[in-house]
Amino acid sequence: MAAIRTKYRSKLSSALSYPIGAEGLSAAIGDAPQLEILQLSFWDAHWPATKFRRALEARLPYVLMIASYSPAEKPGFIGSNAGLASGAYAERWELKVYPVLRELRPLARRLLAAEGLPAIAAWLRPIEERTRAARSQRIELTFDPLNESTTAAEFTRA
């Protein structure tokens, strides 16, 4: 099985590590119908960097992974032809991964395998239901290092 195509990967400091790579994600959600069109990116922070660093230092819960669907959009009156040609208005399935402190990587990886990735895989499977809704949707996995847990929350934008 081929790994999910990685669109972007931020470089990290030596104190941080990504909890899982493209191959591990591909193995966990390998039967998702969107695998060929899913865009994977690894980011160095979920929100402004200072707030993210504070959450890491204090071991507060933070978003570890997001899977999202955005329906195709019509370019507005001011939409550029370049944006249209590059696919900026096309339907998108994305998976974003955020780092953990290096010493928490084994914990985060274990929690992803046990709870997080099965939740993402289940969210990805009803493809017709998501695309028929014609609304942006996402599932966020929040990592709580102190309580050694992950929680999944779904969101829909009108």
C-alpha atoms as a PDB file:
ATOM      1  CA  MET A   1       0.000   0.000   0.000  1.00  0.00           C
ATOM      2  CA  ALA A   2       1.279   3.476  -0.855  1.00  0.00           C
ATOM      3  CA  ALA A   3       1.615   6.122   1.835  1.00  0.00           C
ATOM      4  CA  ILE A   4      -0.635   9.165   1.860  1.00  0.00           C
ATOM      5  CA  ARG A   5       0.934  11.965  -0.186  1.00  0.00           C
ATOM      6  CA  THR A   6       2.571  14.541   2.091  1.00  0.00           C
ATOM      7  CA  LYS A   7       1.813  18.097   0.985  1.00  0.00           C
ATOM      8  CA  TYR A   8       3.828  19.960   3.641  1.00  0.00           C
ATOM      9  CA  ARG A   9       6.142  19.165   6.559  1.00  0.00           C
ATOM     10  CA  SER A  10       7.456  21.827   8.961  1.00  0.00           C
ATOM     11  CA  LYS A  11      10.919  21.412  10.404  1.00  0.00           C
ATOM     12  CA  LEU A  12      10.856  20.954  14.176  1.00  0.00           C
ATOM     13  CA  SER A  13      13.212  21.808  17.002  1.00  0.00           C
ATOM     14  CA  SER A  14      15.008  18.905  18.672  1.00  0.00           C
ATOM     15  CA  ALA A  15      12.554  19.122  21.595  1.00  0.00           C
ATOM     16  CA  LEU A  16       9.564  18.235  19.391  1.00  0.00           C
ATOM     17  CA  SER A  17       8.554  15.240  17.340  1.00  0.00           C
ATOM     18  CA  TYR A  18       5.588  14.236  15.197  1.00  0.00           C
ATOM     19  CA  PRO A  19       3.645  11.452  16.910  1.00  0.00           C
ATOM     20  CA  ILE A  20       3.162   9.475  13.682  1.00  0.00           C
ATOM     21  CA  GLY A  21       4.376   9.562  10.092  1.00  0.00           C
ATOM     22  CA  ALA A  22       2.749   9.173   6.688  1.00  0.00           C
ATOM     23  CA  GLU A  23       3.287   5.411   6.583  1.00  0.00           C
ATOM     24  CA  GLY A  24       1.729   4.858  10.018  1.00  0.00           C
ATOM     25  CA  LEU A  25      -1.252   7.004   9.068  1.00  0.00           C
ATOM     26  CA  SER A  26      -1.636   5.171   5.773  1.00  0.00           C
ATOM     27  CA  ALA A  27      -1.668   1.819   7.553  1.00  0.00           C
ATOM     28  CA  ALA A  28      -4.225   3.018  10.111  1.00  0.00           C
ATOM     29  CA  ILE A  29      -6.692   4.518   7.619  1.00  0.00           C
ATOM     30  CA  GLY A  30      -5.707   2.497   4.561  1.00  0.00           C
ATOM     31  CA  ASP A  31      -9.249   1.484   3.661  1.00  0.00           C
ATOM     32  CA  ALA A  32     -10.628   5.046   3.641  1.00  0.00           C
ATOM     33  CA  PRO A  33     -12.095   5.878   0.212  1.00  0.00           C
ATOM     34  CA  GLN A  34     -10.331   9.291   0.200  1.00  0.00           C
ATOM     35  CA  LEU A  35      -6.816   7.848   0.511  1.00  0.00           C
ATOM     36  CA  GLU A  36      -5.823   8.847  -3.042  1.00  0.00           C
ATOM     37  CA  ILE A  37      -7.002  12.467  -2.679  1.00  0.00           C
ATOM     38  CA  LEU A  38      -6.193  13.045   0.998  1.00  0.00           C
ATOM     39  CA  GLN A  39      -3.617  15.804   1.512  1.00  0.00           C
ATOM     40  CA  LEU A  40      -1.374  15.266   4.527  1.00  0.00           C
ATOM     41  CA  SER A  41       0.539  18.069   6.208  1.00  0.00           C
ATOM     42  CA  PHE A  42       2.705  18.242   9.322  1.00  0.00           C
ATOM     43  CA  TRP A  43       2.608  21.639  11.050  1.00  0.00           C
ATOM     44  CA  ASP A  44       4.758  23.003  13.854  1.00  0.00           C
ATOM     45  CA  ALA A  45       1.852  24.651  15.752  1.00  0.00           C
ATOM     46  CA  HIS A  46      -1.949  24.630  15.740  1.00  0.00           C
ATOM     47  CA  TRP A  47      -2.429  28.250  16.799  1.00  0.00           C
ATOM     48  CA  PRO A  48      -0.052  31.158  17.357  1.00  0.00           C
ATOM     49  CA  ALA A  49       3.301  29.695  18.294  1.00  0.00           C
ATOM     50  CA  THR A  50       3.568  31.350  21.720  1.00  0.00           C
ATOM     51  CA  LYS A  51       0.212  29.953  22.852  1.00  0.00           C
ATOM     52  CA  PHE A  52       1.124  26.519  21.509  1.00  0.00           C
ATOM     53  CA  ARG A  53       4.517  26.563  23.287  1.00  0.00           C
ATOM     54  CA  ARG A  54       2.827  27.529  26.554  1.00  0.00           C
ATOM     55  CA  ALA A  55       0.404  24.610  26.194  1.00  0.00           C
ATOM     56  CA  LEU A  56       3.329  22.250  25.563  1.00  0.00           C
ATOM     57  CA  GLU A  57       5.317  23.526  28.551  1.00  0.00           C
ATOM     58  CA  ALA A  58       2.318  23.355  30.910  1.00  0.00           C
ATOM     59  CA  ARG A  59       1.245  19.991  29.466  1.00  0.00           C
ATOM     60  CA  LEU A  60      -2.199  21.385  28.707  1.00  0.00           C
ATOM     61  CA  PRO A  61      -4.555  19.661  26.240  1.00  0.00           C
ATOM     62  CA  TYR A  62      -4.129  20.755  22.618  1.00  0.00           C
ATOM     63  CA  VAL A  63      -5.175  19.672  19.130  1.00  0.00           C
ATOM     64  CA  LEU A  64      -2.902  16.913  17.845  1.00  0.00           C
ATOM     65  CA  MET A  65      -4.599  16.040  14.558  1.00  0.00           C
ATOM     66  CA  ILE A  66      -7.370  17.364  12.315  1.00  0.00           C
ATOM     67  CA  ALA A  67      -9.113  15.597   9.452  1.00  0.00           C
ATOM     68  CA  SER A  68     -11.255  17.928   7.350  1.00  0.00           C
ATOM     69  CA  TYR A  69     -13.477  18.083   4.296  1.00  0.00           C
ATOM     70  CA  SER A  70     -14.117  21.291   2.333  1.00  0.00           C
ATOM     71  CA  PRO A  71     -16.586  21.187  -0.555  1.00  0.00           C
ATOM     72  CA  ALA A  72     -15.804  22.798  -3.887  1.00  0.00           C
ATOM     73  CA  GLU A  73     -16.444  26.538  -3.884  1.00  0.00           C
ATOM     74  CA  LYS A  74     -17.448  28.872  -6.661  1.00  0.00           C
ATOM     75  CA  PRO A  75     -14.824  31.544  -7.176  1.00  0.00           C
ATOM     76  CA  GLY A  76     -16.266  34.927  -6.369  1.00  0.00           C
ATOM     77  CA  PHE A  77     -16.239  37.936  -8.609  1.00  0.00           C
ATOM     78  CA  ILE A  78     -12.723  38.709  -7.428  1.00  0.00           C
ATOM     79  CA  GLY A  79     -11.464  35.096  -7.571  1.00  0.00           C
ATOM     80  CA  SER A  80      -8.286  34.819  -9.618  1.00  0.00           C
ATOM     81  CA  ASN A  81      -7.847  32.586 -12.635  1.00  0.00           C
ATOM     82  CA  ALA A  82      -4.577  31.375 -11.102  1.00  0.00           C
ATOM     83  CA  GLY A  83      -6.453  30.254  -7.982  1.00  0.00           C
ATOM     84  CA  LEU A  84      -8.987  28.464 -10.116  1.00  0.00           C
ATOM     85  CA  ALA A  85      -6.261  26.754 -12.154  1.00  0.00           C
ATOM     86  CA  SER A  86      -4.333  25.693  -9.030  1.00  0.00           C
ATOM     87  CA  GLY A  87      -7.390  24.030  -7.496  1.00  0.00           C
ATOM     88  CA  ALA A  88      -7.877  26.574  -4.708  1.00  0.00           C
ATOM     89  CA  TYR A  89     -11.648  26.273  -5.087  1.00  0.00           C
ATOM     90  CA  ALA A  90     -11.763  22.465  -5.517  1.00  0.00           C
ATOM     91  CA  GLU A  91     -13.089  19.947  -3.029  1.00  0.00           C
ATOM     92  CA  ARG A  92     -10.421  19.124  -0.395  1.00  0.00           C
ATOM     93  CA  TRP A  93      -9.818  16.295   2.048  1.00  0.00           C
ATOM     94  CA  GLU A  94      -6.995  17.183   4.447  1.00  0.00           C
ATOM     95  CA  LEU A  95      -5.220  15.619   7.379  1.00  0.00           C
ATOM     96  CA  LYS A  96      -3.063  17.859   9.598  1.00  0.00           C
ATOM     97  CA  VAL A  97      -0.688  16.546  12.251  1.00  0.00           C
ATOM     98  CA  TYR A  98       0.847  18.664  15.034  1.00  0.00           C
ATOM     99  CA  PRO A  99       3.926  17.853  17.161  1.00  0.00           C
ATOM    100  CA  VAL A 100       4.356  16.644  20.714  1.00  0.00           C
ATOM    101  CA  LEU A 101       7.243  17.016  23.115  1.00  0.00           C
ATOM    102  CA  ARG A 102       9.771  14.356  22.160  1.00  0.00           C
ATOM    103  CA  GLU A 103       9.452  12.568  25.524  1.00  0.00           C
ATOM    104  CA  LEU A 104       5.659  12.321  25.037  1.00  0.00           C
ATOM    105  CA  ARG A 105       5.857  10.753  21.586  1.00  0.00           C
ATOM    106  CA  PRO A 106       5.435   7.128  22.787  1.00  0.00           C
ATOM    107  CA  LEU A 107       2.349   8.109  24.816  1.00  0.00           C
ATOM    108  CA  ALA A 108       0.829  10.123  21.967  1.00  0.00           C
ATOM    109  CA  ARG A 109       1.534   7.322  19.503  1.00  0.00           C
ATOM    110  CA  ARG A 110      -0.091   4.727  21.771  1.00  0.00           C
ATOM    111  CA  LEU A 111      -3.180   6.897  22.285  1.00  0.00           C
ATOM    112  CA  LEU A 112      -3.457   7.599  18.557  1.00  0.00           C
ATOM    113  CA  ALA A 113      -3.326   3.885  17.772  1.00  0.00           C
ATOM    114  CA  ALA A 114      -5.856   2.959  20.461  1.00  0.00           C
ATOM    115  CA  GLU A 115      -8.347   5.830  20.214  1.00  0.00           C
ATOM    116  CA  GLY A 116      -7.506   8.626  17.804  1.00  0.00           C
ATOM    117  CA  LEU A 117      -6.830   6.951  14.471  1.00  0.00           C
ATOM    118  CA  PRO A 118      -9.856   4.619  14.707  1.00  0.00           C
ATOM    119  CA  ALA A 119     -12.010   7.746  15.272  1.00  0.00           C
ATOM    120  CA  ILE A 120     -10.484   9.474  12.217  1.00  0.00           C
ATOM    121  CA  ALA A 121     -10.887   6.330  10.081  1.00  0.00           C
ATOM    122  CA  ALA A 122     -14.552   6.029  11.105  1.00  0.00           C
ATOM    123  CA  TRP A 123     -15.116   9.723  10.325  1.00  0.00           C
ATOM    124  CA  LEU A 124     -13.589   9.359   6.851  1.00  0.00           C
ATOM    125  CA  ARG A 125     -15.600   6.305   5.789  1.00  0.00           C
ATOM    126  CA  PRO A 126     -19.105   7.761   5.171  1.00  0.00           C
ATOM    127  CA  ILE A 127     -17.844   9.761   2.177  1.00  0.00           C
ATOM    128  CA  GLU A 128     -21.254  10.193   0.513  1.00  0.00           C
ATOM    129  CA  GLU A 129     -22.751  11.620   3.701  1.00  0.00           C
ATOM    130  CA  ARG A 130     -19.973  14.223   4.008  1.00  0.00           C
ATOM    131  CA  THR A 131     -19.960  15.298   0.356  1.00  0.00           C
ATOM    132  CA  ARG A 132     -23.760  15.440   0.114  1.00  0.00           C
ATOM    133  CA  ALA A 133     -23.920  17.896   3.027  1.00  0.00           C
ATOM    134  CA  ALA A 134     -21.955  20.496   0.986  1.00  0.00           C
ATOM    135  CA  ARG A 135     -20.527  21.994   4.187  1.00  0.00           C
ATOM    136  CA  SER A 136     -17.026  22.178   5.592  1.00  0.00           C
ATOM    137  CA  GLN A 137     -16.585  19.540   8.261  1.00  0.00           C
ATOM    138  CA  ARG A 138     -13.744  18.391  10.482  1.00  0.00           C
ATOM    139  CA  ILE A 139     -12.833  16.118  13.332  1.00  0.00           C
ATOM    140  CA  GLU A 140     -10.216  17.261  15.849  1.00  0.00           C
ATOM    141  CA  LEU A 141      -8.222  14.974  18.119  1.00  0.00           C
ATOM    142  CA  THR A 142      -7.180  16.687  21.330  1.00  0.00           C
ATOM    143  CA  PHE A 143      -4.210  15.263  23.216  1.00  0.00           C
ATOM    144  CA  ASP A 144      -4.193  15.600  27.011  1.00  0.00           C
ATOM    145  CA  PRO A 145      -0.744  14.550  28.282  1.00  0.00           C
ATOM    146  CA  LEU A 146      -1.565  14.912  31.989  1.00  0.00           C
ATOM    147  CA  ASN A 147      -4.642  12.662  31.833  1.00  0.00           C
ATOM    148  CA  GLU A 148      -3.046  10.436  29.187  1.00  0.00           C
ATOM    149  CA  SER A 149      -6.027  10.649  26.850  1.00  0.00           C
ATOM    150  CA  THR A 150      -7.251  11.831  23.478  1.00  0.00           C
ATOM    151  CA  THR A 151     -10.726  13.078  22.698  1.00  0.00           C
ATOM    152  CA  ALA A 152     -12.393  13.503  19.329  1.00  0.00           C
ATOM    153  CA  ALA A 153     -14.795  16.340  18.512  1.00  0.00           C
ATOM    154  CA  GLU A 154     -16.638  16.921  15.225  1.00  0.00           C
ATOM    155  CA  PHE A 155     -17.454  20.345  13.777  1.00  0.00           C
ATOM    156  CA  THR A 156     -19.563  21.500  10.834  1.00  0.00           C
ATOM    157  CA  ARG A 157     -19.516  24.969   9.286  1.00  0.00           C
ATOM    158  CA  ALA A 158     -22.631  26.223   7.577  1.00  0.00           C
END
